[in-house]
């Protein structure tokens, strides 16, 4: 692969103390095809904090219980702003632009808290079922680290509460939000989990969460347009796959009806996306001469 020149570019998410401790030079990648094959390299089996990739799983749970009514609480449009923008949320009167911004994901967390009897375990059981790994766990140290320094997210949650966009206590929403972001998965497990979103011809039913084929395809559309915040256009231009990034350095993407792929490299660019991860996926679609376009 031709990504070595980028191996020293960027740095890990040092504003989250627990993530600042991660070895920035790790790299792993795994691709799973819908016909049952998988291909992995380097640190593909090392677990890391998936951070905002968890928002895809949260969205699936919320769509399962709320259906189209979900969009009365959160929008479907690209943001064009940073993932933790407070200014846009204030200008739009507490209505998050999309479910993959922090504001939108806090609304998802609130919906899960009010819709499931045991939210923490229900979320974990769902992701375990998706990837087939029964021992996935939250990283409590990372969740605690994020809460102790998450002043901007706390401000976002309070603004949402002010506008009536969330129902639960602000601290309860923040606790659950940081917890699901702390979930640890490997590239192999992420690729396996995202295979369910890649193959909408197979019935989506995992741990009581069910989605229609149409809902899965619409989730793919949201990943394409909103999965990389204010770099979604760049990712579409360079890679051409629906996907979702996280500040832990992970990226999960899909080629509908072909494969799912996950890559991890902790060094981030200025937009909060993995430098090596984006380059690896760019080379994947360039060398294969295949993207969704």
Protein backbone atom coordinates (compact mmCIF):
# COMPACT_ATOMS: atom_id res chain seq x y z
CA UNK A 1 0.00 0.00 0.00
CA UNK A 2 1.15 3.55 -0.71
CA UNK A 3 0.19 5.12 2.60
CA UNK A 4 3.58 5.05 4.35
CA UNK A 5 4.43 8.70 3.50
CA UNK A 6 1.43 9.72 5.63
CA UNK A 7 2.35 7.59 8.66
CA UNK A 8 3.65 10.53 10.70
CA UNK A 9 1.01 13.08 9.73
CA UNK A 10 -1.47 14.27 12.37
CA UNK A 11 -1.84 13.29 16.00
CA UNK A 12 -4.24 11.37 18.20
CA UNK A 13 -7.20 13.06 19.90
CA UNK A 14 -5.20 14.61 22.74
CA UNK A 15 -8.13 16.67 24.01
CA UNK A 16 -9.47 13.39 25.44
CA UNK A 17 -6.78 12.41 27.97
CA UNK A 18 -7.38 8.65 27.72
CA UNK A 19 -7.04 8.75 23.92
CA UNK A 20 -3.85 10.80 24.17
CA UNK A 21 -2.20 7.69 25.65
CA UNK A 22 -2.87 5.55 22.54
CA UNK A 23 0.11 4.61 20.39
CA UNK A 24 -0.36 6.95 17.39
CA UNK A 25 1.50 4.65 15.00
CA UNK A 26 -0.92 1.73 15.12
CA UNK A 27 -2.57 0.72 11.86
CA UNK A 28 -5.06 -2.01 11.04
CA UNK A 29 -7.54 -2.77 8.29
CA UNK A 30 -10.11 -5.46 7.56
CA UNK A 31 -12.48 -6.02 4.64
CA UNK A 32 -15.44 -8.43 4.77
CA UNK A 33 -17.27 -9.38 1.59
CA UNK A 34 -20.95 -10.25 1.46
CA UNK A 35 -20.04 -13.71 0.13
CA UNK A 36 -18.30 -14.57 3.39
CA UNK A 37 -14.62 -13.79 2.76
CA UNK A 38 -12.50 -11.52 4.93
CA UNK A 39 -9.07 -9.97 4.51
CA UNK A 40 -7.08 -8.31 7.29
CA UNK A 41 -3.67 -6.69 7.74
CA UNK A 42 -1.49 -5.45 10.62
CA UNK A 43 -3.39 -4.43 13.79
CA UNK A 44 -6.80 -5.54 12.56
CA UNK A 45 -7.50 -7.46 15.77
CA UNK A 46 -6.50 -4.74 18.22
CA UNK A 47 -9.48 -3.12 19.89
CA UNK A 48 -9.78 0.65 20.12
CA UNK A 49 -12.38 3.22 21.17
CA UNK A 50 -14.77 3.54 18.23
CA UNK A 51 -16.09 6.94 19.37
CA UNK A 52 -18.50 8.45 16.79
CA UNK A 53 -18.75 5.26 14.74
CA UNK A 54 -21.09 4.19 17.55
CA UNK A 55 -23.60 6.75 16.25
CA UNK A 56 -24.43 4.42 13.36
CA UNK A 57 -25.47 1.70 15.81
CA UNK A 58 -27.44 4.23 17.89
CA UNK A 59 -29.23 5.45 14.76
CA UNK A 60 -30.21 1.89 13.86
CA UNK A 61 -31.74 1.38 17.30
CA UNK A 62 -33.65 4.66 17.12
CA UNK A 63 -34.97 4.00 13.62
CA UNK A 64 -36.10 0.57 14.76
CA UNK A 65 -38.31 2.01 17.51
CA UNK A 66 -39.27 5.41 16.08
CA UNK A 67 -39.36 4.94 12.33
CA UNK A 68 -40.02 8.13 10.34
CA UNK A 69 -41.09 9.92 13.53
CA UNK A 70 -37.38 10.09 14.41
CA UNK A 71 -36.90 12.95 11.94
CA UNK A 72 -39.09 15.25 13.99
CA UNK A 73 -36.27 15.25 16.57
CA UNK A 74 -33.20 15.40 14.34
CA UNK A 75 -32.54 16.42 10.72
CA UNK A 76 -31.07 14.62 7.73
CA UNK A 77 -28.92 17.35 6.17
CA UNK A 78 -25.11 17.69 5.98
CA UNK A 79 -23.81 20.17 8.51
CA UNK A 80 -20.89 21.89 6.82
CA UNK A 81 -19.65 22.63 10.34
CA UNK A 82 -17.52 20.86 12.93
CA UNK A 83 -18.94 17.79 14.67
CA UNK A 84 -19.23 19.68 17.97
CA UNK A 85 -20.66 22.93 16.61
CA UNK A 86 -22.69 24.87 19.15
CA UNK A 87 -23.26 27.90 16.94
CA UNK A 88 -25.26 26.00 14.32
CA UNK A 89 -27.41 24.32 16.96
CA UNK A 90 -28.24 27.68 18.56
CA UNK A 91 -29.05 29.28 15.19
CA UNK A 92 -31.39 26.41 14.34
CA UNK A 93 -33.24 26.55 17.67
CA UNK A 94 -32.05 23.26 19.13
CA UNK A 95 -32.73 21.07 16.08
CA UNK A 96 -29.56 19.08 15.24
CA UNK A 97 -28.75 19.11 11.54
CA UNK A 98 -28.16 15.32 11.40
CA UNK A 99 -27.79 12.31 13.75
CA UNK A 100 -24.01 12.05 13.29
CA UNK A 101 -23.13 15.44 14.76
CA UNK A 102 -22.60 15.39 18.52
CA UNK A 103 -25.89 17.24 19.03
CA UNK A 104 -27.77 14.72 16.93
CA UNK A 105 -26.12 11.79 18.67
CA UNK A 106 -27.08 13.21 22.06
CA UNK A 107 -30.70 13.17 20.86
CA UNK A 108 -30.23 9.53 19.79
CA UNK A 109 -28.88 8.75 23.26
CA UNK A 110 -31.95 10.38 24.81
CA UNK A 111 -34.29 8.33 22.61
CA UNK A 112 -32.55 5.08 23.51
CA UNK A 113 -32.75 5.98 27.21
CA UNK A 114 -36.51 6.54 26.96
CA UNK A 115 -37.24 3.59 24.64
CA UNK A 116 -35.29 0.67 26.11
CA UNK A 117 -35.59 -0.94 29.53
CA UNK A 118 -31.84 -1.47 29.98
CA UNK A 119 -30.14 0.98 27.57
CA UNK A 120 -26.50 0.25 28.41
CA UNK A 121 -26.89 -3.51 28.09
CA UNK A 122 -29.33 -3.31 25.17
CA UNK A 123 -26.88 -1.21 23.13
CA UNK A 124 -24.02 -3.55 23.96
CA UNK A 125 -26.07 -6.65 23.13
CA UNK A 126 -27.05 -5.17 19.77
CA UNK A 127 -23.48 -4.43 18.70
CA UNK A 128 -22.29 -7.81 19.99
CA UNK A 129 -24.95 -9.50 17.85
CA UNK A 130 -23.98 -7.45 14.79
CA UNK A 131 -20.32 -8.43 14.90
CA UNK A 132 -20.61 -11.86 16.51
CA UNK A 133 -18.28 -10.99 19.41
CA UNK A 134 -19.86 -11.68 22.77
CA UNK A 135 -17.16 -10.07 24.86
CA UNK A 136 -17.28 -6.46 23.64
CA UNK A 137 -17.16 -3.97 26.50
CA UNK A 138 -17.22 -0.25 27.19
CA UNK A 139 -13.93 1.36 28.19
CA UNK A 140 -14.91 3.03 31.44
CA UNK A 141 -11.63 4.95 31.65
CA UNK A 142 -12.26 6.55 28.25
CA UNK A 143 -15.89 7.36 29.13
CA UNK A 144 -14.81 8.96 32.41
CA UNK A 145 -12.04 10.87 30.69
CA UNK A 146 -14.47 12.28 28.14
CA UNK A 147 -16.96 13.34 30.80
CA UNK A 148 -14.31 15.08 32.87
CA UNK A 149 -13.24 17.20 29.89
CA UNK A 150 -16.49 17.26 27.89
CA UNK A 151 -17.45 20.86 28.57
CA UNK A 152 -18.58 21.59 25.02
CA UNK A 153 -20.71 18.46 24.84
CA UNK A 154 -22.24 19.45 28.17
CA UNK A 155 -23.06 22.87 26.71
CA UNK A 156 -24.66 21.19 23.67
CA UNK A 157 -26.74 18.91 25.89
CA UNK A 158 -27.92 21.84 28.00
CA UNK A 159 -28.93 23.79 24.90
CA UNK A 160 -30.86 20.77 23.64
CA UNK A 161 -32.59 20.52 27.01
CA UNK A 162 -33.42 24.23 26.93
CA UNK A 163 -35.18 23.78 23.58
CA UNK A 164 -36.96 20.62 24.72
CA UNK A 165 -35.17 18.42 22.17
CA UNK A 166 -34.13 15.90 24.82
CA UNK A 167 -36.34 14.55 27.59
CA UNK A 168 -33.99 12.93 30.09
CA UNK A 169 -31.79 14.56 32.69
CA UNK A 170 -28.77 16.16 31.00
CA UNK A 171 -26.24 14.26 33.10
CA UNK A 172 -27.95 10.93 32.31
CA UNK A 173 -27.80 11.66 28.58
CA UNK A 174 -24.14 12.68 28.74
CA UNK A 175 -23.19 9.59 30.74
CA UNK A 176 -24.82 7.26 28.22
CA UNK A 177 -23.46 9.17 25.22
CA UNK A 178 -19.87 9.02 26.47
CA UNK A 179 -20.31 5.37 27.37
CA UNK A 180 -21.37 4.24 23.90
CA UNK A 181 -18.57 6.30 22.35
CA UNK A 182 -16.09 4.46 24.56
CA UNK A 183 -17.05 1.03 23.16
CA UNK A 184 -13.95 -0.89 22.09
CA UNK A 185 -13.91 -2.87 18.84
CA UNK A 186 -11.28 -4.10 16.41
CA UNK A 187 -11.24 -3.48 12.67
CA UNK A 188 -12.30 -7.09 12.16
CA UNK A 189 -15.27 -6.65 14.48
CA UNK A 190 -16.26 -3.31 12.98
CA UNK A 191 -16.14 -4.68 9.45
CA UNK A 192 -18.28 -7.65 10.55
CA UNK A 193 -20.79 -5.32 12.22
CA UNK A 194 -21.05 -3.03 9.20
CA UNK A 195 -21.65 -5.97 6.88
CA UNK A 196 -25.27 -5.85 8.05
CA UNK A 197 -25.54 -2.34 6.60
CA UNK A 198 -23.72 -3.32 3.40
CA UNK A 199 -26.04 -6.17 2.51
CA UNK A 200 -29.59 -4.80 2.56
CA UNK A 201 -30.82 -7.93 0.71
CA UNK A 202 -30.46 -9.86 3.98
CA UNK A 203 -33.06 -9.41 6.73
CA UNK A 204 -31.78 -6.96 9.34
CA UNK A 205 -32.70 -8.40 12.74
CA UNK A 206 -30.16 -8.42 15.56
CA UNK A 207 -30.87 -8.68 19.27
CA UNK A 208 -34.44 -7.45 18.80
CA UNK A 209 -33.48 -4.52 16.55
CA UNK A 210 -35.13 -4.77 13.13
CA UNK A 211 -34.84 -2.52 10.10
CA UNK A 212 -36.39 -2.68 6.67
CA UNK A 213 -34.25 -2.80 3.54
CA UNK A 214 -35.36 0.75 2.81
CA UNK A 215 -34.24 1.97 6.23
CA UNK A 216 -30.82 0.37 5.81
CA UNK A 217 -30.38 2.05 2.43
CA UNK A 218 -31.38 5.40 3.88
CA UNK A 219 -28.84 4.95 6.66
CA UNK A 220 -26.24 4.43 3.94
CA UNK A 221 -27.33 7.70 2.33
CA UNK A 222 -26.86 9.51 5.65
CA UNK A 223 -23.40 8.00 6.07
CA UNK A 224 -22.50 9.22 2.60
CA UNK A 225 -23.63 12.78 3.17
CA UNK A 226 -23.03 13.25 6.90
CA UNK A 227 -20.61 10.58 8.11
CA UNK A 228 -17.53 12.81 8.10
CA UNK A 229 -18.92 16.14 9.31
CA UNK A 230 -17.43 19.06 7.40
CA UNK A 231 -15.20 16.67 5.44
CA UNK A 232 -18.04 14.54 4.06
CA UNK A 233 -17.62 16.06 0.60
CA UNK A 234 -13.89 15.36 0.59
CA UNK A 235 -14.43 11.74 1.64
CA UNK A 236 -17.06 11.25 -1.07
CA UNK A 237 -14.74 12.82 -3.63
CA UNK A 238 -11.66 10.80 -2.67
CA UNK A 239 -13.17 7.50 -1.52
CA UNK A 240 -16.72 7.30 -2.84
CA UNK A 241 -18.20 5.03 -0.16
CA UNK A 242 -20.74 5.58 2.62
CA UNK A 243 -18.95 5.52 5.95
CA UNK A 244 -18.51 6.86 9.45
CA UNK A 245 -15.43 8.07 11.26
CA UNK A 246 -14.52 8.44 14.92
CA UNK A 247 -11.89 10.48 16.74
CA UNK A 248 -10.42 7.24 18.07
CA UNK A 249 -8.91 6.94 14.59
CA UNK A 250 -11.36 4.42 13.18
CA UNK A 251 -13.33 4.55 9.95
CA UNK A 252 -15.97 2.03 8.86
CA UNK A 253 -17.32 2.10 5.31
CA UNK A 254 -19.40 -0.02 2.98
CA UNK A 255 -19.81 -0.83 -0.67
CA UNK A 256 -23.51 -1.78 -0.88
CA UNK A 257 -24.04 -5.43 -1.79
CA UNK A 258 -20.25 -5.94 -2.06
CA UNK A 259 -18.31 -5.46 1.17
CA UNK A 260 -17.73 -3.63 4.42
CA UNK A 261 -14.33 -2.32 5.45
CA UNK A 262 -12.84 -0.89 8.64
CA UNK A 263 -9.53 0.84 9.15
CA UNK A 264 -7.82 2.23 12.24
CA UNK A 265 -4.97 4.70 12.62
CA UNK A 266 -5.08 7.13 15.57
CA UNK A 267 -3.40 10.12 13.91
CA UNK A 268 -6.13 12.60 12.93
CA UNK A 269 -6.28 15.53 10.53
CA UNK A 270 -7.69 18.93 11.43
CA UNK A 271 -11.25 17.74 10.80
CA UNK A 272 -10.96 14.87 13.29
CA UNK A 273 -10.66 12.07 10.70
CA UNK A 274 -7.89 9.48 10.49
CA UNK A 275 -5.17 10.55 8.04
CA UNK A 276 -3.95 7.04 7.22
CA UNK A 277 -7.48 5.66 7.36
CA UNK A 278 -8.75 8.04 4.70
CA UNK A 279 -5.69 7.42 2.53
CA UNK A 280 -6.04 3.65 2.83
CA UNK A 281 -9.66 3.77 1.73
CA UNK A 282 -8.83 6.21 -1.06
CA UNK A 283 -6.23 3.78 -2.39
CA UNK A 284 -8.65 0.86 -2.00
CA UNK A 285 -11.26 2.40 -4.29
CA UNK A 286 -8.66 3.90 -6.62
CA UNK A 287 -6.73 0.68 -7.14
CA UNK A 288 -9.89 -1.43 -7.55
CA UNK A 289 -11.40 1.32 -9.74
CA UNK A 290 -14.69 0.78 -7.90
CA UNK A 291 -16.82 3.09 -5.80
CA UNK A 292 -20.56 3.65 -5.58
CA UNK A 293 -20.32 6.37 -8.24
